[in-house]
Amino acid sequence: MKKHASAFLLMFALTGLTGTRLSGAGINLLTRAEKAHGWILLFDGKTLNGWHSSVPAPPQGRGRGQGGGAQGRGAAQPGAAPAVGSSPGPCKSERGNTQPAGASHWEVVDGLLTACGDPAGYLTSDESYKNFVLLIEFKCGEDTNSGVFIRSPQENAGYEVQIWKDQPAGYNTGGIVGTAKTAREFKFKANEWNVYNITADGDHLKVVLNGETTLDVHDAKFASGNLRLQYQKFPIAFRNIKIRPLP
């Protein structure tokens, strides 16, 4: 019994350090260990508090694509798809009057954060972050095109951690668009929950998908900025969004 108890305590401690949820743990909640290690919950599973819908910036320069690429304010990402034809799912809640014209519609359904209807777009954090570890779970179909942006200054540009199996310029799932491609193919699990663990510490960027490191690189283009969740093509849902600030 003592051996089993020790193993359980070790697993609990490691969970607090990494932010990984134990099977059966609460959804959109922080464990006592996570709180002790400085984790902050960014989505409460009930409201959009702390987030707002934002309008993609118009592309500038040559080529087609949506704004917010990693090349600078208003620039299109390499191989970016136009923000049309998103094949959206139907909205289950009414659109509010507070979102800006042209912004996508985000809603909370059964504890999940998801986008619906047209147009495609972003959900942006109210707060800006510099150095941190970000944990986020997502669930989508095989052909979904989405992404998690970090250090997005003025709610534009920044680093996009890709969720897309076939990005035209080769910045596929696990890569950072316009910054670094993965050395091999990494796949998210379609129609199942996946976990991104993203670290930004100075110029050190590390991306882990479902326990596998997809990228470990250095880049200094963006030092701080908002988080942005992308709704580009086909439905996607997010949950258990939490961040641990680093010095």
Protein backbone atom coordinates (compact mmCIF):
# COMPACT_ATOMS: atom_id res chain seq x y z
CA MET A 1 0.00 0.00 0.00
CA LYS A 2 2.84 2.40 0.84
CA LYS A 3 4.38 1.80 -2.60
CA HIS A 4 1.10 2.61 -4.38
CA ALA A 5 0.53 5.69 -2.21
CA SER A 6 4.02 7.01 -3.03
CA ALA A 7 3.43 6.54 -6.76
CA PHE A 8 0.15 8.43 -6.56
CA LEU A 9 1.73 11.34 -4.68
CA LEU A 10 4.53 11.54 -7.27
CA MET A 11 1.99 11.62 -10.13
CA PHE A 12 0.02 14.35 -8.34
CA ALA A 13 3.13 16.47 -7.87
CA LEU A 14 4.15 16.13 -11.50
CA THR A 15 0.64 17.11 -12.56
CA GLY A 16 0.96 20.38 -10.67
CA LEU A 17 4.31 21.15 -12.30
CA THR A 18 3.32 20.42 -15.88
CA GLY A 19 -0.33 21.44 -15.83
CA THR A 20 -1.39 18.13 -17.40
CA ARG A 21 -4.83 17.05 -16.26
CA LEU A 22 -5.30 13.71 -14.59
CA SER A 23 -8.01 11.56 -16.12
CA GLY A 24 -11.30 12.35 -14.46
CA ALA A 25 -10.20 15.78 -13.21
CA GLY A 26 -12.63 18.66 -13.54
CA ILE A 27 -13.03 20.47 -16.85
CA ASN A 28 -12.08 24.17 -16.95
CA LEU A 29 -10.83 24.05 -13.38
CA LEU A 30 -7.45 24.35 -11.68
CA THR A 31 -6.27 21.68 -9.30
CA ARG A 32 -4.89 22.67 -5.92
CA ALA A 33 -1.40 21.77 -7.15
CA GLU A 34 -1.78 23.92 -10.28
CA LYS A 35 -2.85 26.90 -8.19
CA ALA A 36 0.15 26.36 -5.92
CA HIS A 37 2.48 26.44 -8.93
CA GLY A 38 1.06 29.68 -10.32
CA TRP A 39 -1.30 28.48 -13.05
CA ILE A 40 -4.09 30.87 -14.09
CA LEU A 41 -7.36 29.71 -15.66
CA LEU A 42 -8.18 31.72 -18.80
CA PHE A 43 -11.58 30.20 -19.64
CA ASP A 44 -14.15 29.48 -16.94
CA GLY A 45 -16.35 27.22 -19.09
CA LYS A 46 -19.36 29.50 -18.63
CA THR A 47 -18.60 32.93 -20.07
CA LEU A 48 -16.30 34.78 -22.47
CA ASN A 49 -14.88 36.83 -19.61
CA GLY A 50 -11.32 37.83 -20.42
CA TRP A 51 -11.80 37.44 -24.18
CA HIS A 52 -13.25 39.44 -27.06
CA SER A 53 -13.99 38.77 -30.71
CA SER A 54 -11.65 40.65 -33.04
CA VAL A 55 -11.73 41.45 -36.73
CA PRO A 56 -8.91 40.15 -38.96
CA ALA A 57 -6.77 42.99 -40.30
CA PRO A 58 -6.97 43.46 -44.07
CA PRO A 59 -4.03 41.96 -45.98
CA GLN A 60 -1.36 44.29 -47.28
CA GLY A 61 1.14 43.82 -50.08
CA ARG A 62 1.04 41.04 -52.63
CA GLY A 63 -0.87 37.81 -52.39
CA ARG A 64 -4.12 36.79 -50.84
CA GLY A 65 -4.59 35.89 -47.24
CA GLN A 66 -5.90 37.11 -43.98
CA GLY A 67 -4.13 39.63 -41.84
CA GLY A 68 -2.26 38.70 -38.69
CA GLY A 69 0.61 36.85 -40.30
CA ALA A 70 3.97 36.46 -38.61
CA GLN A 71 5.64 38.83 -41.06
CA GLY A 72 4.40 42.09 -39.52
CA ARG A 73 1.27 44.10 -38.98
CA GLY A 74 -1.32 43.46 -41.69
CA ALA A 75 0.91 41.10 -43.69
CA ALA A 76 -0.48 37.84 -45.00
CA GLN A 77 0.98 34.60 -43.72
CA PRO A 78 2.83 32.37 -46.18
CA GLY A 79 0.22 30.24 -47.91
CA ALA A 80 -2.61 31.69 -45.84
CA ALA A 81 -6.15 30.78 -46.87
CA PRO A 82 -8.65 33.59 -47.44
CA ALA A 83 -11.06 34.21 -44.58
CA VAL A 84 -14.07 32.94 -46.54
CA GLY A 85 -15.73 29.58 -47.12
CA SER A 86 -15.34 28.44 -43.52
CA SER A 87 -18.09 25.77 -43.70
CA PRO A 88 -19.28 26.87 -40.26
CA GLY A 89 -21.44 25.07 -37.78
CA PRO A 90 -24.75 26.68 -36.75
CA CYS A 91 -24.79 29.06 -33.78
CA LYS A 92 -26.66 27.89 -30.69
CA SER A 93 -26.82 31.28 -29.00
CA GLU A 94 -27.91 34.66 -30.29
CA ARG A 95 -25.29 37.10 -31.50
CA GLY A 96 -24.77 39.95 -29.09
CA ASN A 97 -24.63 43.61 -30.03
CA THR A 98 -21.23 44.19 -28.43
CA GLN A 99 -19.01 42.49 -30.98
CA PRO A 100 -17.49 44.74 -33.68
CA ALA A 101 -18.81 44.62 -37.22
CA GLY A 102 -17.11 41.89 -39.21
CA ALA A 103 -16.02 39.92 -36.13
CA SER A 104 -16.62 36.19 -35.82
CA HIS A 105 -19.18 34.83 -33.37
CA TRP A 106 -17.87 32.84 -30.40
CA GLU A 107 -20.03 31.13 -27.82
CA VAL A 108 -19.87 28.79 -24.84
CA VAL A 109 -21.84 25.57 -25.26
CA ASP A 110 -21.76 22.77 -22.68
CA GLY A 111 -18.55 24.10 -21.17
CA LEU A 112 -16.75 24.38 -24.52
CA LEU A 113 -15.48 27.48 -26.28
CA THR A 114 -16.34 27.40 -29.97
CA ALA A 115 -17.02 29.61 -32.98
CA CYS A 116 -19.97 29.41 -35.31
CA GLY A 117 -21.53 31.02 -38.36
CA ASP A 118 -19.76 33.50 -40.61
CA PRO A 119 -17.38 35.26 -40.88
CA ALA A 120 -14.20 33.50 -39.84
CA GLY A 121 -12.03 35.35 -37.36
CA TYR A 122 -10.43 35.40 -33.92
CA LEU A 123 -11.13 35.36 -30.22
CA THR A 124 -8.49 37.48 -28.49
CA SER A 125 -7.43 37.63 -24.86
CA ASP A 126 -7.96 40.93 -23.09
CA GLU A 127 -4.55 40.58 -21.44
CA SER A 128 -1.09 40.62 -23.00
CA TYR A 129 1.55 38.05 -22.02
CA LYS A 130 5.33 37.91 -22.34
CA ASN A 131 6.97 34.77 -20.92
CA PHE A 132 4.76 31.82 -20.07
CA VAL A 133 3.69 28.22 -20.47
CA LEU A 134 0.28 27.90 -22.14
CA LEU A 135 -1.86 24.79 -22.00
CA ILE A 136 -4.90 24.48 -24.23
CA GLU A 137 -7.07 21.58 -25.36
CA PHE A 138 -8.77 21.54 -28.76
CA LYS A 139 -11.10 19.21 -30.65
CA CYS A 140 -11.82 19.42 -34.36
CA GLY A 141 -12.31 17.46 -37.56
CA GLU A 142 -9.60 16.08 -39.84
CA ASP A 143 -9.72 19.02 -42.28
CA THR A 144 -10.04 21.88 -39.80
CA ASN A 145 -7.87 24.96 -40.30
CA SER A 146 -7.22 26.82 -37.07
CA GLY A 147 -4.38 28.00 -34.88
CA VAL A 148 -3.30 29.34 -31.51
CA PHE A 149 -1.54 32.71 -31.69
CA ILE A 150 0.82 33.84 -28.94
CA ARG A 151 2.56 37.19 -28.43
CA SER A 152 0.21 38.90 -30.86
CA PRO A 153 0.99 42.64 -30.52
CA GLN A 154 -1.91 45.04 -31.00
CA GLU A 155 -4.05 41.90 -31.57
CA ASN A 156 -2.28 41.30 -34.87
CA ALA A 157 0.72 39.34 -36.16
CA GLY A 158 2.50 37.25 -33.51
CA TYR A 159 3.39 33.55 -33.57
CA GLU A 160 0.71 31.19 -34.91
CA VAL A 161 1.02 27.62 -33.66
CA GLN A 162 -0.67 25.78 -36.47
CA ILE A 163 -3.68 23.46 -36.38
CA TRP A 164 -3.94 22.39 -40.01
CA LYS A 165 -2.67 19.24 -41.68
CA ASP A 166 -2.04 20.71 -45.15
CA GLN A 167 -0.93 24.35 -45.05
CA PRO A 168 0.10 25.38 -48.59
CA ALA A 169 3.52 26.73 -47.58
CA GLY A 170 4.28 23.68 -45.42
CA TYR A 171 3.70 25.20 -41.97
CA ASN A 172 1.59 22.28 -40.83
CA THR A 173 0.29 21.19 -37.42
CA GLY A 174 2.85 21.80 -34.70
CA GLY A 175 4.76 24.40 -36.70
CA ILE A 176 4.83 28.17 -36.24
CA VAL A 177 3.64 29.90 -39.40
CA GLY A 178 6.32 32.05 -41.02
CA THR A 179 8.86 31.11 -38.35
CA ALA A 180 9.61 27.38 -38.28
CA LYS A 181 8.37 24.16 -39.89
CA THR A 182 8.37 20.81 -38.16
CA ALA A 183 11.06 18.30 -39.11
CA ARG A 184 8.41 15.64 -39.75
CA GLU A 185 4.65 15.32 -39.87
CA PHE A 186 2.69 15.61 -36.67
CA LYS A 187 -1.01 14.85 -36.57
CA PHE A 188 -3.69 15.91 -34.14
CA LYS A 189 -6.33 13.32 -33.27
CA ALA A 190 -9.43 14.14 -35.32
CA ASN A 191 -12.67 14.38 -33.32
CA GLU A 192 -10.80 13.76 -30.07
CA TRP A 193 -9.31 16.08 -27.49
CA ASN A 194 -5.74 17.19 -28.13
CA VAL A 195 -3.40 19.14 -25.87
CA TYR A 196 -1.01 21.90 -26.91
CA ASN A 197 1.71 22.82 -24.41
CA ILE A 198 3.37 26.01 -25.67
CA THR A 199 6.32 27.69 -23.96
CA ALA A 200 7.54 31.20 -24.73
CA ASP A 201 10.55 32.16 -22.63
CA GLY A 202 12.56 35.04 -24.06
CA ASP A 203 13.48 34.02 -27.59
CA HIS A 204 12.96 30.32 -26.78
CA LEU A 205 9.78 28.84 -28.27
CA LYS A 206 8.74 25.25 -27.65
CA VAL A 207 5.62 23.47 -28.89
CA VAL A 208 4.44 20.11 -27.54
CA LEU A 209 1.41 18.32 -29.04
CA ASN A 210 -0.07 15.44 -27.07
CA GLY A 211 3.24 14.88 -25.30
CA GLU A 212 5.43 15.06 -28.43
CA THR A 213 7.75 18.02 -29.01
CA THR A 214 7.04 19.37 -32.50
CA LEU A 215 9.29 22.45 -32.36
CA ASP A 216 12.08 23.74 -30.14
CA VAL A 217 13.46 26.92 -31.69
CA HIS A 218 14.73 30.43 -30.98
CA ASP A 219 13.18 33.54 -32.51
CA ALA A 220 12.95 37.12 -31.31
CA LYS A 221 10.42 38.77 -33.64
CA PHE A 222 7.71 39.11 -31.00
CA ALA A 223 8.46 39.71 -27.33
CA SER A 224 4.91 39.99 -25.94
CA GLY A 225 1.29 40.29 -26.97
CA ASN A 226 -2.21 38.86 -26.75
CA LEU A 227 -3.34 35.29 -27.22
CA ARG A 228 -5.65 34.68 -30.20
CA LEU A 229 -7.71 31.64 -31.08
CA GLN A 230 -8.37 31.27 -34.79
CA TYR A 231 -11.59 30.17 -36.45
CA GLN A 232 -10.70 29.75 -40.10
CA LYS A 233 -12.29 26.65 -41.62
CA PHE A 234 -14.69 24.08 -40.14
CA PRO A 235 -15.73 24.01 -36.47
CA ILE A 236 -13.28 23.76 -33.60
CA ALA A 237 -13.79 23.70 -29.83
CA PHE A 238 -11.41 24.68 -27.02
CA ARG A 239 -11.38 23.98 -23.30
CA ASN A 240 -9.01 23.88 -20.30
CA ILE A 241 -7.12 27.02 -21.30
CA LYS A 242 -4.59 27.89 -18.64
CA ILE A 243 -1.32 29.80 -18.41
CA ARG A 244 1.64 29.85 -16.04
CA PRO A 245 3.62 33.13 -16.23
CA LEU A 246 7.41 32.80 -16.25
CA PRO A 247 9.89 35.35 -14.85
